[in-house]
Amino acid sequence: MKSTFLKLGLLAAVVVGMVSCNDSVENDDEAKIVENEQQIEKYLADSSITATRDSSGLYYVVKKSNPTGAKPKTQEAVTINFNAYLLNGTKIWSSENADKYPFMRPYGLGFFLGGVERGLNLIRTGESATFYMPFYLAFGSFAYDKIPAYSVIKMNVEFVSSRTEVKQIDDFIQQKQFPVSERSTDNLVIVRTNTVTGDTIGSGKVVSIAYKGKLLTGEVFDKGEKPLSFTTGRNEVIPGFDRAIRKMRKGEKATIIFPSTLGYGKNGAKDGYGNYVIYPYSPLQFDVEVQ
């Protein structure tokens, strides 16, 4: 589907290992690993904090326990609240944003910092923890904005949820209290907002569709500034969109919802700057009108 994507902000790269181009860089990295560990241990001792050290070098402290919570699974959408700091107390990153959209990413695919991915596997949904991450589990060996190179990062994390796509769709429908008009076995959902009689569009018809594309968080990824014209049943748009429109009638309005298997799948979609606007394995919603 052709679309105009909104540019996203910071996408932190996962640093899970350091590749050296010469011996001096490798030696410097090794020295910084030792230095980072000393910095973390000094900080913990000075603050009278008892932390657990993971085999990766991640230190963590569970602040709130929930033994019945779930562990994250690869490809599930993990939602976290967090605030990240340098050890000197400088706040460098937060899940808080002006529009109040939750910070949600597919788990196990490299969309969290390496230390966060590791840490989330050590706790459960409903739990909170503080992670102390050496540079190779955080932002790496390069300076970034107000983050100096080789920085230890302290991150306070609340593990809100880990959900399959079907669970996300079910929760979304319940939250919005949508009266579902149709739902297929592969979870294409149509919620009609007006009543129109007559034949459905079907296949092989040229249509003009006013639309707005959103993630289930409410974030708009495609404004649909002008109607989209295409021929149904010709693979000109993503499958979920095409199939839903074929089930609708001229003049009808609806919210359509479908999983990534009918959308952008395992690849997601990026804007012109290379930033993800639709992460892999993301269900989508579209507000549509058949004109």
C-alpha atoms as a PDB file:
ATOM      1  CA  MET A   1       0.000   0.000   0.000  1.00  0.00           C
ATOM      2  CA  LYS A   2       1.327   3.436  -0.914  1.00  0.00           C
ATOM      3  CA  SER A   3       1.235   5.656   2.109  1.00  0.00           C
ATOM      4  CA  THR A   4       2.723   8.731   3.755  1.00  0.00           C
ATOM      5  CA  PHE A   5       4.380   7.726   6.992  1.00  0.00           C
ATOM      6  CA  LEU A   6       4.903   9.949  10.004  1.00  0.00           C
ATOM      7  CA  LYS A   7       8.511  10.178  11.054  1.00  0.00           C
ATOM      8  CA  LEU A   8       9.265   8.493  14.376  1.00  0.00           C
ATOM      9  CA  GLY A   9      11.735   9.700  16.962  1.00  0.00           C
ATOM     10  CA  LEU A  10      14.626   7.840  18.540  1.00  0.00           C
ATOM     11  CA  LEU A  11      15.002   4.152  17.771  1.00  0.00           C
ATOM     12  CA  ALA A  12      17.745   2.770  19.969  1.00  0.00           C
ATOM     13  CA  ALA A  13      20.009   0.197  18.359  1.00  0.00           C
ATOM     14  CA  VAL A  14      20.643  -3.037  20.197  1.00  0.00           C
ATOM     15  CA  VAL A  15      24.282  -3.599  20.944  1.00  0.00           C
ATOM     16  CA  VAL A  16      24.883  -7.239  21.795  1.00  0.00           C
ATOM     17  CA  GLY A  17      28.548  -7.481  20.905  1.00  0.00           C
ATOM     18  CA  MET A  18      31.475  -5.385  19.860  1.00  0.00           C
ATOM     19  CA  VAL A  19      33.286  -5.977  16.572  1.00  0.00           C
ATOM     20  CA  SER A  20      36.797  -4.537  16.541  1.00  0.00           C
ATOM     21  CA  CYS A  21      38.620  -3.382  13.463  1.00  0.00           C
ATOM     22  CA  ASN A  22      42.044  -3.427  15.090  1.00  0.00           C
ATOM     23  CA  ASP A  23      43.822  -4.613  18.222  1.00  0.00           C
ATOM     24  CA  SER A  24      43.879  -1.209  19.885  1.00  0.00           C
ATOM     25  CA  VAL A  25      40.090  -0.834  19.628  1.00  0.00           C
ATOM     26  CA  GLU A  26      39.620  -4.366  20.954  1.00  0.00           C
ATOM     27  CA  ASN A  27      41.915  -3.683  23.888  1.00  0.00           C
ATOM     28  CA  ASP A  28      40.115  -0.426  24.626  1.00  0.00           C
ATOM     29  CA  ASP A  29      36.761  -2.239  24.644  1.00  0.00           C
ATOM     30  CA  GLU A  30      38.090  -4.900  26.979  1.00  0.00           C
ATOM     31  CA  ALA A  31      39.408  -2.238  29.343  1.00  0.00           C
ATOM     32  CA  LYS A  32      36.052  -0.446  29.273  1.00  0.00           C
ATOM     33  CA  ILE A  33      34.222  -3.671  30.131  1.00  0.00           C
ATOM     34  CA  VAL A  34      36.314  -3.930  33.306  1.00  0.00           C
ATOM     35  CA  GLU A  35      35.859  -0.226  34.002  1.00  0.00           C
ATOM     36  CA  ASN A  36      32.082  -0.440  33.556  1.00  0.00           C
ATOM     37  CA  GLU A  37      31.846  -3.336  35.988  1.00  0.00           C
ATOM     38  CA  GLN A  38      33.850  -1.397  38.548  1.00  0.00           C
ATOM     39  CA  GLN A  39      31.607   1.637  38.031  1.00  0.00           C
ATOM     40  CA  ILE A  40      28.450  -0.420  38.550  1.00  0.00           C
ATOM     41  CA  GLU A  41      29.781  -2.162  41.658  1.00  0.00           C
ATOM     42  CA  LYS A  42      30.930   1.136  43.168  1.00  0.00           C
ATOM     43  CA  TYR A  43      27.561   2.735  42.459  1.00  0.00           C
ATOM     44  CA  LEU A  44      25.730  -0.188  44.081  1.00  0.00           C
ATOM     45  CA  ALA A  45      28.021  -0.165  47.114  1.00  0.00           C
ATOM     46  CA  ASP A  46      27.777   3.605  47.557  1.00  0.00           C
ATOM     47  CA  SER A  47      23.976   3.380  47.290  1.00  0.00           C
ATOM     48  CA  SER A  48      23.720   0.310  49.574  1.00  0.00           C
ATOM     49  CA  ILE A  49      21.960  -1.614  46.801  1.00  0.00           C
ATOM     50  CA  THR A  50      22.110  -5.406  46.530  1.00  0.00           C
ATOM     51  CA  ALA A  51      21.833  -6.488  42.914  1.00  0.00           C
ATOM     52  CA  THR A  52      22.055  -9.775  41.035  1.00  0.00           C
ATOM     53  CA  ARG A  53      24.656 -10.095  38.292  1.00  0.00           C
ATOM     54  CA  ASP A  54      23.619 -12.021  35.204  1.00  0.00           C
ATOM     55  CA  SER A  55      26.164 -14.013  33.195  1.00  0.00           C
ATOM     56  CA  SER A  56      25.994 -11.338  30.469  1.00  0.00           C
ATOM     57  CA  GLY A  57      27.261  -8.660  32.870  1.00  0.00           C
ATOM     58  CA  LEU A  58      23.804  -7.175  33.448  1.00  0.00           C
ATOM     59  CA  TYR A  59      23.056  -6.228  37.046  1.00  0.00           C
ATOM     60  CA  TYR A  60      19.417  -6.111  38.107  1.00  0.00           C
ATOM     61  CA  VAL A  61      17.217  -5.515  41.132  1.00  0.00           C
ATOM     62  CA  VAL A  62      13.569  -6.657  41.176  1.00  0.00           C
ATOM     63  CA  LYS A  63      11.542  -3.883  42.794  1.00  0.00           C
ATOM     64  CA  LYS A  64       8.070  -5.393  42.506  1.00  0.00           C
ATOM     65  CA  SER A  65       7.446  -9.124  42.205  1.00  0.00           C
ATOM     66  CA  ASN A  66       4.609 -10.937  40.397  1.00  0.00           C
ATOM     67  CA  PRO A  67       5.302 -14.706  40.431  1.00  0.00           C
ATOM     68  CA  THR A  68       2.165 -15.460  38.382  1.00  0.00           C
ATOM     69  CA  GLY A  69       3.128 -13.058  35.592  1.00  0.00           C
ATOM     70  CA  ALA A  70       4.022 -14.273  32.107  1.00  0.00           C
ATOM     71  CA  LYS A  71       7.438 -14.473  30.497  1.00  0.00           C
ATOM     72  CA  PRO A  72       7.850 -12.698  27.144  1.00  0.00           C
ATOM     73  CA  LYS A  73       7.778 -14.769  23.963  1.00  0.00           C
ATOM     74  CA  THR A  74       9.525 -13.989  20.684  1.00  0.00           C
ATOM     75  CA  GLN A  75       7.391 -11.860  18.322  1.00  0.00           C
ATOM     76  CA  GLU A  76       4.908 -10.925  21.045  1.00  0.00           C
ATOM     77  CA  ALA A  77       4.312  -7.216  21.582  1.00  0.00           C
ATOM     78  CA  VAL A  78       6.002  -6.232  24.830  1.00  0.00           C
ATOM     79  CA  THR A  79       4.885  -3.020  26.513  1.00  0.00           C
ATOM     80  CA  ILE A  80       7.137  -1.366  29.082  1.00  0.00           C
ATOM     81  CA  ASN A  81       7.295   1.891  31.006  1.00  0.00           C
ATOM     82  CA  PHE A  82      10.819   3.101  31.686  1.00  0.00           C
ATOM     83  CA  ASN A  83      13.158   5.911  32.614  1.00  0.00           C
ATOM     84  CA  ALA A  84      16.857   5.657  31.762  1.00  0.00           C
ATOM     85  CA  TYR A  85      19.768   7.487  33.376  1.00  0.00           C
ATOM     86  CA  LEU A  86      23.516   7.805  33.391  1.00  0.00           C
ATOM     87  CA  LEU A  87      25.046   6.817  36.721  1.00  0.00           C
ATOM     88  CA  ASN A  88      25.498  10.515  37.532  1.00  0.00           C
ATOM     89  CA  GLY A  89      21.704  10.893  37.521  1.00  0.00           C
ATOM     90  CA  THR A  90      21.300  12.524  34.103  1.00  0.00           C
ATOM     91  CA  LYS A  91      18.017  11.398  32.559  1.00  0.00           C
ATOM     92  CA  ILE A  92      18.630  10.326  28.956  1.00  0.00           C
ATOM     93  CA  TRP A  93      15.501   8.531  27.777  1.00  0.00           C
ATOM     94  CA  SER A  94      11.928   7.814  28.823  1.00  0.00           C
ATOM     95  CA  SER A  95       8.845   5.977  27.609  1.00  0.00           C
ATOM     96  CA  GLU A  96       6.786   9.057  28.454  1.00  0.00           C
ATOM     97  CA  ASN A  97       5.556  11.060  25.454  1.00  0.00           C
ATOM     98  CA  ALA A  98       3.200  13.929  24.859  1.00  0.00           C
ATOM     99  CA  ASP A  99       0.578  11.779  23.127  1.00  0.00           C
ATOM    100  CA  LYS A 100       0.634   9.092  25.862  1.00  0.00           C
ATOM    101  CA  TYR A 101       1.194   6.240  23.433  1.00  0.00           C
ATOM    102  CA  PRO A 102       2.594   3.134  25.158  1.00  0.00           C
ATOM    103  CA  PHE A 103       6.146   2.022  24.364  1.00  0.00           C
ATOM    104  CA  MET A 104       5.504  -1.300  22.634  1.00  0.00           C
ATOM    105  CA  ARG A 105       7.914  -3.382  20.527  1.00  0.00           C
ATOM    106  CA  PRO A 106       8.104  -6.979  19.254  1.00  0.00           C
ATOM    107  CA  TYR A 107      10.198  -9.014  21.659  1.00  0.00           C
ATOM    108  CA  GLY A 108      13.288 -11.030  20.785  1.00  0.00           C
ATOM    109  CA  LEU A 109      13.963  -9.334  17.438  1.00  0.00           C
ATOM    110  CA  GLY A 110      16.428  -6.633  18.466  1.00  0.00           C
ATOM    111  CA  PHE A 111      14.069  -3.706  19.033  1.00  0.00           C
ATOM    112  CA  PHE A 112      15.077  -3.203  22.670  1.00  0.00           C
ATOM    113  CA  LEU A 113      18.526  -2.439  24.033  1.00  0.00           C
ATOM    114  CA  GLY A 114      20.434  -5.664  24.546  1.00  0.00           C
ATOM    115  CA  GLY A 115      20.345  -5.298  28.323  1.00  0.00           C
ATOM    116  CA  VAL A 116      16.607  -4.684  28.288  1.00  0.00           C
ATOM    117  CA  GLU A 117      15.954  -7.775  26.140  1.00  0.00           C
ATOM    118  CA  ARG A 118      18.089  -9.765  28.565  1.00  0.00           C
ATOM    119  CA  GLY A 119      16.447  -8.218  31.612  1.00  0.00           C
ATOM    120  CA  LEU A 120      12.887  -8.775  30.401  1.00  0.00           C
ATOM    121  CA  ASN A 121      13.666 -12.477  30.161  1.00  0.00           C
ATOM    122  CA  LEU A 122      14.591 -12.420  33.867  1.00  0.00           C
ATOM    123  CA  ILE A 123      11.337 -10.881  35.089  1.00  0.00           C
ATOM    124  CA  ARG A 124       7.621 -11.338  34.456  1.00  0.00           C
ATOM    125  CA  THR A 125       4.668  -9.196  33.426  1.00  0.00           C
ATOM    126  CA  GLY A 126       3.492  -7.028  36.285  1.00  0.00           C
ATOM    127  CA  GLU A 127       6.989  -6.796  37.730  1.00  0.00           C
ATOM    128  CA  SER A 128       9.281  -3.793  38.017  1.00  0.00           C
ATOM    129  CA  ALA A 129      13.061  -3.817  38.091  1.00  0.00           C
ATOM    130  CA  THR A 130      16.136  -1.662  37.765  1.00  0.00           C
ATOM    131  CA  PHE A 131      18.711  -2.746  35.181  1.00  0.00           C
ATOM    132  CA  TYR A 132      22.360  -1.619  35.286  1.00  0.00           C
ATOM    133  CA  MET A 133      23.732  -2.144  31.794  1.00  0.00           C
ATOM    134  CA  PRO A 134      27.389  -1.952  30.722  1.00  0.00           C
ATOM    135  CA  PHE A 135      28.029  -0.214  27.423  1.00  0.00           C
ATOM    136  CA  TYR A 136      27.878  -3.374  25.289  1.00  0.00           C
ATOM    137  CA  LEU A 137      24.325  -4.035  26.512  1.00  0.00           C
ATOM    138  CA  ALA A 138      23.295  -0.397  26.091  1.00  0.00           C
ATOM    139  CA  PHE A 139      24.363   2.278  23.593  1.00  0.00           C
ATOM    140  CA  GLY A 140      27.792   0.921  22.766  1.00  0.00           C
ATOM    141  CA  SER A 141      31.177   2.517  22.293  1.00  0.00           C
ATOM    142  CA  PHE A 142      30.049   5.682  20.521  1.00  0.00           C
ATOM    143  CA  ALA A 143      28.732   8.937  21.945  1.00  0.00           C
ATOM    144  CA  TYR A 144      25.064   9.551  21.218  1.00  0.00           C
ATOM    145  CA  ASP A 145      23.383  12.890  21.925  1.00  0.00           C
ATOM    146  CA  LYS A 146      23.969  13.398  25.687  1.00  0.00           C
ATOM    147  CA  ILE A 147      25.160   9.815  26.199  1.00  0.00           C
ATOM    148  CA  PRO A 148      28.979   9.612  26.352  1.00  0.00           C
ATOM    149  CA  ALA A 149      30.740   6.697  24.688  1.00  0.00           C
ATOM    150  CA  TYR A 150      31.058   3.530  26.793  1.00  0.00           C
ATOM    151  CA  SER A 151      28.363   4.669  29.226  1.00  0.00           C
ATOM    152  CA  VAL A 152      26.799   2.496  31.901  1.00  0.00           C
ATOM    153  CA  ILE A 153      23.024   2.925  31.748  1.00  0.00           C
ATOM    154  CA  LYS A 154      20.631   2.588  34.666  1.00  0.00           C
ATOM    155  CA  MET A 155      17.052   1.859  33.596  1.00  0.00           C
ATOM    156  CA  ASN A 156      13.977   1.609  35.792  1.00  0.00           C
ATOM    157  CA  VAL A 157      11.554  -0.693  33.971  1.00  0.00           C
ATOM    158  CA  GLU A 158       7.932  -1.676  34.552  1.00  0.00           C
ATOM    159  CA  PHE A 159       7.028  -4.779  32.513  1.00  0.00           C
ATOM    160  CA  VAL A 160       3.408  -4.042  31.601  1.00  0.00           C
ATOM    161  CA  SER A 161       2.452  -6.816  29.195  1.00  0.00           C
ATOM    162  CA  SER A 162       3.510  -9.343  26.560  1.00  0.00           C
ATOM    163  CA  ARG A 163       0.699 -10.121  24.089  1.00  0.00           C
ATOM    164  CA  THR A 164       0.086 -12.103  20.929  1.00  0.00           C
ATOM    165  CA  GLU A 165      -1.495 -10.314  17.977  1.00  0.00           C
ATOM    166  CA  VAL A 166      -4.840 -11.986  18.597  1.00  0.00           C
ATOM    167  CA  LYS A 167      -4.747 -10.841  22.225  1.00  0.00           C
ATOM    168  CA  GLN A 168      -3.933  -7.304  21.085  1.00  0.00           C
ATOM    169  CA  ILE A 169      -6.911  -7.338  18.710  1.00  0.00           C
ATOM    170  CA  ASP A 170      -9.250  -8.769  21.366  1.00  0.00           C
ATOM    171  CA  ASP A 171      -8.113  -6.190  23.944  1.00  0.00           C
ATOM    172  CA  PHE A 172      -8.502  -3.373  21.432  1.00  0.00           C
ATOM    173  CA  ILE A 173     -12.055  -4.377  20.512  1.00  0.00           C
ATOM    174  CA  GLN A 174     -12.996  -4.672  24.166  1.00  0.00           C
ATOM    175  CA  GLN A 175     -11.372  -1.348  25.069  1.00  0.00           C
ATOM    176  CA  LYS A 176     -13.195   0.470  22.259  1.00  0.00           C
ATOM    177  CA  GLN A 177     -16.413  -1.503  22.881  1.00  0.00           C
ATOM    178  CA  PHE A 178     -16.735  -2.070  19.159  1.00  0.00           C
ATOM    179  CA  PRO A 179     -19.829  -3.928  17.889  1.00  0.00           C
ATOM    180  CA  VAL A 180     -18.099  -6.321  15.498  1.00  0.00           C
ATOM    181  CA  SER A 181     -19.932  -6.729  12.178  1.00  0.00           C
ATOM    182  CA  GLU A 182     -17.732  -9.520  10.801  1.00  0.00           C
ATOM    183  CA  ARG A 183     -14.707 -11.480  11.972  1.00  0.00           C
ATOM    184  CA  SER A 184     -12.976 -14.095   9.838  1.00  0.00           C
ATOM    185  CA  THR A 185     -11.159 -17.160  11.103  1.00  0.00           C
ATOM    186  CA  ASP A 186      -7.840 -15.405  10.410  1.00  0.00           C
ATOM    187  CA  ASN A 187      -8.947 -12.362  12.450  1.00  0.00           C
ATOM    188  CA  LEU A 188      -9.910  -9.851   9.806  1.00  0.00           C
ATOM    189  CA  VAL A 189     -12.400  -7.675  11.704  1.00  0.00           C
ATOM    190  CA  ILE A 190     -14.927  -5.241  10.230  1.00  0.00           C
ATOM    191  CA  VAL A 191     -16.772  -2.777  12.457  1.00  0.00           C
ATOM    192  CA  ARG A 192     -19.355  -0.950  10.324  1.00  0.00           C
ATOM    193  CA  THR A 193     -20.325   2.535  11.476  1.00  0.00           C
ATOM    194  CA  ASN A 194     -23.263   3.116   9.099  1.00  0.00           C
ATOM    195  CA  THR A 195     -25.824   1.021   7.232  1.00  0.00           C
ATOM    196  CA  VAL A 196     -25.827   0.773   3.441  1.00  0.00           C
ATOM    197  CA  THR A 197     -27.852  -1.675   1.381  1.00  0.00           C
ATOM    198  CA  GLY A 198     -26.956  -3.252  -1.938  1.00  0.00           C
ATOM    199  CA  ASP A 199     -24.236  -5.516  -3.254  1.00  0.00           C
ATOM    200  CA  THR A 200     -20.767  -5.657  -1.744  1.00  0.00           C
ATOM    201  CA  ILE A 201     -17.844  -4.355  -3.806  1.00  0.00           C
ATOM    202  CA  GLY A 202     -16.401  -7.769  -4.653  1.00  0.00           C
ATOM    203  CA  SER A 203     -13.354  -8.401  -6.819  1.00  0.00           C
ATOM    204  CA  GLY A 204     -12.175  -6.614  -9.941  1.00  0.00           C
ATOM    205  CA  LYS A 205     -13.746  -3.236  -9.132  1.00  0.00           C
ATOM    206  CA  VAL A 206     -12.017   0.143  -9.185  1.00  0.00           C
ATOM    207  CA  VAL A 207     -12.660   1.848  -5.863  1.00  0.00           C
ATOM    208  CA  SER A 208     -11.808   5.136  -4.177  1.00  0.00           C
ATOM    209  CA  ILE A 209     -11.241   4.860  -0.422  1.00  0.00           C
ATOM    210  CA  ALA A 210     -10.865   7.632   2.144  1.00  0.00           C
ATOM    211  CA  TYR A 211      -8.798   6.202   4.979  1.00  0.00           C
ATOM    212  CA  LYS A 212      -6.534   6.703   7.976  1.00  0.00           C
ATOM    213  CA  GLY A 213      -4.111   4.008   9.116  1.00  0.00           C
ATOM    214  CA  LYS A 214      -3.253   3.510  12.791  1.00  0.00           C
ATOM    215  CA  LEU A 215      -1.473   1.114  15.082  1.00  0.00           C
ATOM    216  CA  LEU A 216      -3.647  -0.395  17.806  1.00  0.00           C
ATOM    217  CA  THR A 217      -1.982   2.025  20.225  1.00  0.00           C
ATOM    218  CA  GLY A 218      -3.717   4.843  18.350  1.00  0.00           C
ATOM    219  CA  GLU A 219      -0.574   6.155  16.650  1.00  0.00           C
ATOM    220  CA  VAL A 220      -1.310   7.334  13.110  1.00  0.00           C
ATOM    221  CA  PHE A 221       1.142   5.951  10.534  1.00  0.00           C
ATOM    222  CA  ASP A 222      -0.721   7.001   7.389  1.00  0.00           C
ATOM    223  CA  LYS A 223      -2.834  10.156   7.269  1.00  0.00           C
ATOM    224  CA  GLY A 224      -4.588   9.220   4.045  1.00  0.00           C
ATOM    225  CA  GLU A 225      -4.521  12.847   2.938  1.00  0.00           C
ATOM    226  CA  LYS A 226      -6.272  11.960  -0.318  1.00  0.00           C
ATOM    227  CA  PRO A 227      -8.474   8.992  -1.275  1.00  0.00           C
ATOM    228  CA  LEU A 228      -6.718   5.827  -2.386  1.00  0.00           C
ATOM    229  CA  SER A 229      -7.785   4.357  -5.738  1.00  0.00           C
ATOM    230  CA  PHE A 230      -7.095   0.725  -6.626  1.00  0.00           C
ATOM    231  CA  THR A 231      -8.654  -2.315  -8.246  1.00  0.00           C
ATOM    232  CA  THR A 232      -9.863  -4.901  -5.768  1.00  0.00           C
ATOM    233  CA  GLY A 233      -8.548  -8.444  -5.927  1.00  0.00           C
ATOM    234  CA  ARG A 234      -5.410  -7.466  -7.871  1.00  0.00           C
ATOM    235  CA  ASN A 235      -2.844  -7.475  -5.014  1.00  0.00           C
ATOM    236  CA  GLU A 236      -2.436  -3.711  -5.338  1.00  0.00           C
ATOM    237  CA  VAL A 237      -2.756  -3.127  -1.595  1.00  0.00           C
ATOM    238  CA  ILE A 238      -2.036  -5.190   1.509  1.00  0.00           C
ATOM    239  CA  PRO A 239      -4.332  -8.247   1.791  1.00  0.00           C
ATOM    240  CA  GLY A 240      -6.317  -7.255   4.874  1.00  0.00           C
ATOM    241  CA  PHE A 241      -7.227  -3.881   3.406  1.00  0.00           C
ATOM    242  CA  ASP A 242      -8.233  -5.387   0.054  1.00  0.00           C
ATOM    243  CA  ARG A 243     -10.316  -8.177   1.569  1.00  0.00           C
ATOM    244  CA  ALA A 244     -12.166  -5.821   3.894  1.00  0.00           C
ATOM    245  CA  ILE A 245     -13.043  -3.374   1.108  1.00  0.00           C
ATOM    246  CA  ARG A 246     -14.404  -6.225  -1.046  1.00  0.00           C
ATOM    247  CA  LYS A 247     -16.853  -7.010   1.789  1.00  0.00           C
ATOM    248  CA  MET A 248     -18.083  -3.420   1.994  1.00  0.00           C
ATOM    249  CA  ARG A 249     -20.570  -1.373  -0.066  1.00  0.00           C
ATOM    250  CA  LYS A 250     -20.281   1.993  -1.758  1.00  0.00           C
ATOM    251  CA  GLY A 251     -20.951   4.740   0.804  1.00  0.00           C
ATOM    252  CA  GLU A 252     -20.154   2.488   3.729  1.00  0.00           C
ATOM    253  CA  LYS A 253     -17.877   3.507   6.585  1.00  0.00           C
ATOM    254  CA  ALA A 254     -16.040   1.125   8.909  1.00  0.00           C
ATOM    255  CA  THR A 255     -13.064   0.471  11.128  1.00  0.00           C
ATOM    256  CA  ILE A 256     -11.164  -2.553   9.858  1.00  0.00           C
ATOM    257  CA  ILE A 257      -8.630  -4.448  11.965  1.00  0.00           C
ATOM    258  CA  PHE A 258      -6.299  -7.268  10.971  1.00  0.00           C
ATOM    259  CA  PRO A 259      -3.096  -9.036  12.064  1.00  0.00           C
ATOM    260  CA  SER A 260       0.324  -8.673  10.446  1.00  0.00           C
ATOM    261  CA  THR A 261      -0.207 -11.793   8.315  1.00  0.00           C
ATOM    262  CA  LEU A 262      -2.695  -9.666   6.358  1.00  0.00           C
ATOM    263  CA  GLY A 263      -0.566  -6.523   6.647  1.00  0.00           C
ATOM    264  CA  TYR A 264       3.171  -5.891   6.687  1.00  0.00           C
ATOM    265  CA  GLY A 265       4.149  -9.211   8.267  1.00  0.00           C
ATOM    266  CA  LYS A 266       7.584  -9.997   9.621  1.00  0.00           C
ATOM    267  CA  ASN A 267       9.234  -7.096   7.785  1.00  0.00           C
ATOM    268  CA  GLY A 268       7.120  -4.196   9.007  1.00  0.00           C
ATOM    269  CA  ALA A 269       7.381  -0.883   7.145  1.00  0.00           C
ATOM    270  CA  LYS A 270       9.800   2.044   7.294  1.00  0.00           C
ATOM    271  CA  ASP A 271       9.633   5.699   6.367  1.00  0.00           C
ATOM    272  CA  GLY A 272      11.993   7.479   3.997  1.00  0.00           C
ATOM    273  CA  TYR A 273      14.527   7.930   6.798  1.00  0.00           C
ATOM    274  CA  GLY A 274      14.792   4.205   7.486  1.00  0.00           C
ATOM    275  CA  ASN A 275      12.848   4.374  10.761  1.00  0.00           C
ATOM    276  CA  TYR A 276      10.160   1.818  11.500  1.00  0.00           C
ATOM    277  CA  VAL A 277       6.655   3.258  11.461  1.00  0.00           C
ATOM    278  CA  ILE A 278       5.116  -0.211  11.540  1.00  0.00           C
ATOM    279  CA  TYR A 279       7.121  -2.757  13.497  1.00  0.00           C
ATOM    280  CA  PRO A 280       7.202  -6.409  12.430  1.00  0.00           C
ATOM    281  CA  TYR A 281       4.254  -8.489  13.623  1.00  0.00           C
ATOM    282  CA  SER A 282       2.019  -5.461  14.200  1.00  0.00           C
ATOM    283  CA  PRO A 283      -1.778  -5.673  13.842  1.00  0.00           C
ATOM    284  CA  LEU A 284      -3.311  -2.604  12.208  1.00  0.00           C
ATOM    285  CA  GLN A 285      -6.526  -0.611  12.135  1.00  0.00           C
ATOM    286  CA  PHE A 286      -7.898   1.561   9.340  1.00  0.00           C
ATOM    287  CA  ASP A 287     -10.829   3.957   9.430  1.00  0.00           C
ATOM    288  CA  VAL A 288     -12.260   3.708   5.893  1.00  0.00           C
ATOM    289  CA  GLU A 289     -15.040   5.068   3.730  1.00  0.00           C
ATOM    290  CA  VAL A 290     -15.898   3.641   0.316  1.00  0.00           C
ATOM    291  CA  GLN A 291     -16.599   6.681  -1.846  1.00  0.00           C
END
